[in-house]
Amino acid sequence: TTPTILAFDAEDHDTNTLHDTVAVNSRLTCRVPGIYYAEAIVYWASSAVGQRTARIKMNGSTIVTTTIMPLTTGTDTSHIIFTSPTRLAYGDYLQLEVEQDTGGDLAVVGGSIGTFFGMYRVA
């Protein structure tokens, strides 16, 4: 399927205006240069077909990290958890892109126990 950039319309906390829930809600934007840990959890609806892929991209094109999850049994939702240290300059932004190859639509689960995307500065 076509890779899809996920949009996030809610926040748990945002101490430095990294995320806008309305205008550009797919981006986490660096406001203070440094090294950041970007982390993501992607929950997929259940399906016994195909693999799931999630990647973090910088500035719309550079792949920071990719995680691929192989075929599951299909009886439960599947999830991918990953993190990556990334050096960011002021104005750089990260996005979470997902892709799956089940041959049809497969939902990403949202809500308070679903898909998550965040970053925090470590140096």
C-alpha atoms as a PDB file:
ATOM      1  CA  THR A   1       0.000   0.000   0.000  1.00  0.00           C
ATOM      2  CA  THR A   2       0.912   3.642  -0.135  1.00  0.00           C
ATOM      3  CA  PRO A   3       2.933   4.949   2.824  1.00  0.00           C
ATOM      4  CA  THR A   4       0.796   7.171   5.062  1.00  0.00           C
ATOM      5  CA  ILE A   5       1.968   9.986   7.335  1.00  0.00           C
ATOM      6  CA  LEU A   6      -0.074   9.845  10.540  1.00  0.00           C
ATOM      7  CA  ALA A   7      -1.745  12.961  11.935  1.00  0.00           C
ATOM      8  CA  PHE A   8      -2.275  13.506  15.661  1.00  0.00           C
ATOM      9  CA  ASP A   9      -5.134  15.709  16.857  1.00  0.00           C
ATOM     10  CA  ALA A  10      -4.376  15.475  20.598  1.00  0.00           C
ATOM     11  CA  GLU A  11      -1.413  15.784  22.982  1.00  0.00           C
ATOM     12  CA  ASP A  12      -0.478  14.326  26.344  1.00  0.00           C
ATOM     13  CA  HIS A  13       1.904  17.184  27.045  1.00  0.00           C
ATOM     14  CA  ASP A  14       3.898  19.660  24.985  1.00  0.00           C
ATOM     15  CA  THR A  15       6.275  21.904  26.915  1.00  0.00           C
ATOM     16  CA  ASN A  16       7.892  23.649  23.948  1.00  0.00           C
ATOM     17  CA  THR A  17       5.262  23.966  21.176  1.00  0.00           C
ATOM     18  CA  LEU A  18       6.694  20.947  19.348  1.00  0.00           C
ATOM     19  CA  HIS A  19       3.279  19.947  18.009  1.00  0.00           C
ATOM     20  CA  ASP A  20       0.263  21.766  16.571  1.00  0.00           C
ATOM     21  CA  THR A  21      -2.997  19.806  16.915  1.00  0.00           C
ATOM     22  CA  VAL A  22      -4.693  21.653  14.044  1.00  0.00           C
ATOM     23  CA  ALA A  23      -2.568  23.232  11.281  1.00  0.00           C
ATOM     24  CA  VAL A  24       0.313  20.752  10.760  1.00  0.00           C
ATOM     25  CA  ASN A  25      -0.663  17.959  13.133  1.00  0.00           C
ATOM     26  CA  SER A  26       1.594  15.305  11.614  1.00  0.00           C
ATOM     27  CA  ARG A  27       4.801  17.073  12.701  1.00  0.00           C
ATOM     28  CA  LEU A  28       6.939  17.321  15.817  1.00  0.00           C
ATOM     29  CA  THR A  29       9.084  20.410  15.243  1.00  0.00           C
ATOM     30  CA  CYS A  30      12.403  21.147  16.944  1.00  0.00           C
ATOM     31  CA  ARG A  31      12.464  24.500  18.797  1.00  0.00           C
ATOM     32  CA  VAL A  32      15.809  23.991  20.587  1.00  0.00           C
ATOM     33  CA  PRO A  33      18.696  22.402  18.630  1.00  0.00           C
ATOM     34  CA  GLY A  34      20.154  19.226  20.103  1.00  0.00           C
ATOM     35  CA  ILE A  35      19.905  15.459  20.268  1.00  0.00           C
ATOM     36  CA  TYR A  36      16.382  14.117  20.637  1.00  0.00           C
ATOM     37  CA  TYR A  37      14.951  10.689  21.226  1.00  0.00           C
ATOM     38  CA  ALA A  38      12.003  10.125  18.937  1.00  0.00           C
ATOM     39  CA  GLU A  39       9.716   7.323  20.002  1.00  0.00           C
ATOM     40  CA  ALA A  40       6.658   5.715  18.513  1.00  0.00           C
ATOM     41  CA  ILE A  41       4.148   2.998  19.258  1.00  0.00           C
ATOM     42  CA  VAL A  42       1.894   1.947  16.402  1.00  0.00           C
ATOM     43  CA  TYR A  43      -1.110  -0.300  17.124  1.00  0.00           C
ATOM     44  CA  TRP A  44      -2.723  -1.981  14.129  1.00  0.00           C
ATOM     45  CA  ALA A  45      -6.127  -3.630  13.884  1.00  0.00           C
ATOM     46  CA  SER A  46      -5.911  -7.434  13.786  1.00  0.00           C
ATOM     47  CA  SER A  47      -5.120  -9.195  10.520  1.00  0.00           C
ATOM     48  CA  ALA A  48      -3.359 -12.474   9.754  1.00  0.00           C
ATOM     49  CA  VAL A  49      -2.111 -11.178   6.404  1.00  0.00           C
ATOM     50  CA  GLY A  50       0.995  -9.170   5.508  1.00  0.00           C
ATOM     51  CA  GLN A  51       3.581  -7.206   7.405  1.00  0.00           C
ATOM     52  CA  ARG A  52       3.459  -3.756   8.999  1.00  0.00           C
ATOM     53  CA  THR A  53       6.120  -1.072   8.624  1.00  0.00           C
ATOM     54  CA  ALA A  54       6.628   2.116  10.608  1.00  0.00           C
ATOM     55  CA  ARG A  55       9.297   4.727  10.052  1.00  0.00           C
ATOM     56  CA  ILE A  56      10.261   8.090  11.447  1.00  0.00           C
ATOM     57  CA  LYS A  57      11.122  10.656   8.779  1.00  0.00           C
ATOM     58  CA  MET A  58      12.906  13.989   9.160  1.00  0.00           C
ATOM     59  CA  ASN A  59      11.897  17.053   7.144  1.00  0.00           C
ATOM     60  CA  GLY A  60       9.572  15.016   4.940  1.00  0.00           C
ATOM     61  CA  SER A  61      12.179  12.834   3.250  1.00  0.00           C
ATOM     62  CA  THR A  62      15.116  11.566   5.341  1.00  0.00           C
ATOM     63  CA  ILE A  63      14.377   8.223   7.000  1.00  0.00           C
ATOM     64  CA  VAL A  64      15.643   8.312  10.579  1.00  0.00           C
ATOM     65  CA  THR A  65      14.640   4.756  11.469  1.00  0.00           C
ATOM     66  CA  THR A  66      12.422   1.956  10.149  1.00  0.00           C
ATOM     67  CA  THR A  67      10.882  -0.986  11.947  1.00  0.00           C
ATOM     68  CA  ILE A  68       9.195  -3.893  10.170  1.00  0.00           C
ATOM     69  CA  MET A  69       6.907  -6.337  11.930  1.00  0.00           C
ATOM     70  CA  PRO A  70       6.388  -9.734  10.257  1.00  0.00           C
ATOM     71  CA  LEU A  71       3.101 -11.544   9.793  1.00  0.00           C
ATOM     72  CA  THR A  72       1.021 -12.064  12.945  1.00  0.00           C
ATOM     73  CA  THR A  73      -1.586 -14.675  13.861  1.00  0.00           C
ATOM     74  CA  GLY A  74      -4.379 -12.167  13.327  1.00  0.00           C
ATOM     75  CA  THR A  75      -6.140 -12.886  16.607  1.00  0.00           C
ATOM     76  CA  ASP A  76      -4.964  -9.724  18.377  1.00  0.00           C
ATOM     77  CA  THR A  77      -3.981  -6.219  17.478  1.00  0.00           C
ATOM     78  CA  SER A  78      -0.323  -5.965  16.584  1.00  0.00           C
ATOM     79  CA  HIS A  79       2.032  -3.207  17.614  1.00  0.00           C
ATOM     80  CA  ILE A  80       5.443  -1.813  16.825  1.00  0.00           C
ATOM     81  CA  ILE A  81       7.475   0.026  19.474  1.00  0.00           C
ATOM     82  CA  PHE A  82      10.688   1.798  18.571  1.00  0.00           C
ATOM     83  CA  THR A  83      12.925   4.741  19.414  1.00  0.00           C
ATOM     84  CA  SER A  84      15.834   6.507  17.778  1.00  0.00           C
ATOM     85  CA  PRO A  85      18.322   9.214  18.832  1.00  0.00           C
ATOM     86  CA  THR A  86      18.392  12.027  16.274  1.00  0.00           C
ATOM     87  CA  ARG A  87      20.319  15.307  16.003  1.00  0.00           C
ATOM     88  CA  LEU A  88      17.923  18.126  15.131  1.00  0.00           C
ATOM     89  CA  ALA A  89      18.462  21.767  14.198  1.00  0.00           C
ATOM     90  CA  TYR A  90      15.946  24.513  14.872  1.00  0.00           C
ATOM     91  CA  GLY A  91      12.963  24.019  12.548  1.00  0.00           C
ATOM     92  CA  ASP A  92      13.691  20.375  11.684  1.00  0.00           C
ATOM     93  CA  TYR A  93      10.610  18.230  12.037  1.00  0.00           C
ATOM     94  CA  LEU A  94       9.819  14.546  12.447  1.00  0.00           C
ATOM     95  CA  GLN A  95       6.836  12.596  11.154  1.00  0.00           C
ATOM     96  CA  LEU A  96       5.578   9.055  11.703  1.00  0.00           C
ATOM     97  CA  GLU A  97       4.896   7.115   8.491  1.00  0.00           C
ATOM     98  CA  VAL A  98       3.181   3.730   8.344  1.00  0.00           C
ATOM     99  CA  GLU A  99       2.637   1.144   5.651  1.00  0.00           C
ATOM    100  CA  GLN A 100       1.139  -2.340   5.461  1.00  0.00           C
ATOM    101  CA  ASP A 101       0.688  -4.945   2.753  1.00  0.00           C
ATOM    102  CA  THR A 102      -2.436  -6.889   3.723  1.00  0.00           C
ATOM    103  CA  GLY A 103      -4.011  -6.214   0.336  1.00  0.00           C
ATOM    104  CA  GLY A 104      -6.753  -4.028   1.842  1.00  0.00           C
ATOM    105  CA  ASP A 105      -7.363  -1.315   4.386  1.00  0.00           C
ATOM    106  CA  LEU A 106      -6.007  -1.886   7.892  1.00  0.00           C
ATOM    107  CA  ALA A 107      -6.706   0.637  10.614  1.00  0.00           C
ATOM    108  CA  VAL A 108      -4.163   2.152  12.972  1.00  0.00           C
ATOM    109  CA  VAL A 109      -5.688   2.192  16.458  1.00  0.00           C
ATOM    110  CA  GLY A 110      -5.767   5.582  18.193  1.00  0.00           C
ATOM    111  CA  GLY A 111      -7.020   6.847  21.517  1.00  0.00           C
ATOM    112  CA  SER A 112      -5.458   6.833  24.945  1.00  0.00           C
ATOM    113  CA  ILE A 113      -4.101   3.274  24.674  1.00  0.00           C
ATOM    114  CA  GLY A 114      -3.300   3.349  20.982  1.00  0.00           C
ATOM    115  CA  THR A 115      -0.742   4.826  18.654  1.00  0.00           C
ATOM    116  CA  PHE A 116       1.728   7.319  20.140  1.00  0.00           C
ATOM    117  CA  PHE A 117       4.464   9.555  18.717  1.00  0.00           C
ATOM    118  CA  GLY A 118       6.771  11.786  20.754  1.00  0.00           C
ATOM    119  CA  MET A 119      10.225  13.214  21.126  1.00  0.00           C
ATOM    120  CA  TYR A 120      12.304  14.635  23.959  1.00  0.00           C
ATOM    121  CA  ARG A 121      15.611  16.441  24.074  1.00  0.00           C
ATOM    122  CA  VAL A 122      18.511  14.626  25.785  1.00  0.00           C
ATOM    123  CA  ALA A 123      21.510  16.847  24.908  1.00  0.00           C
END
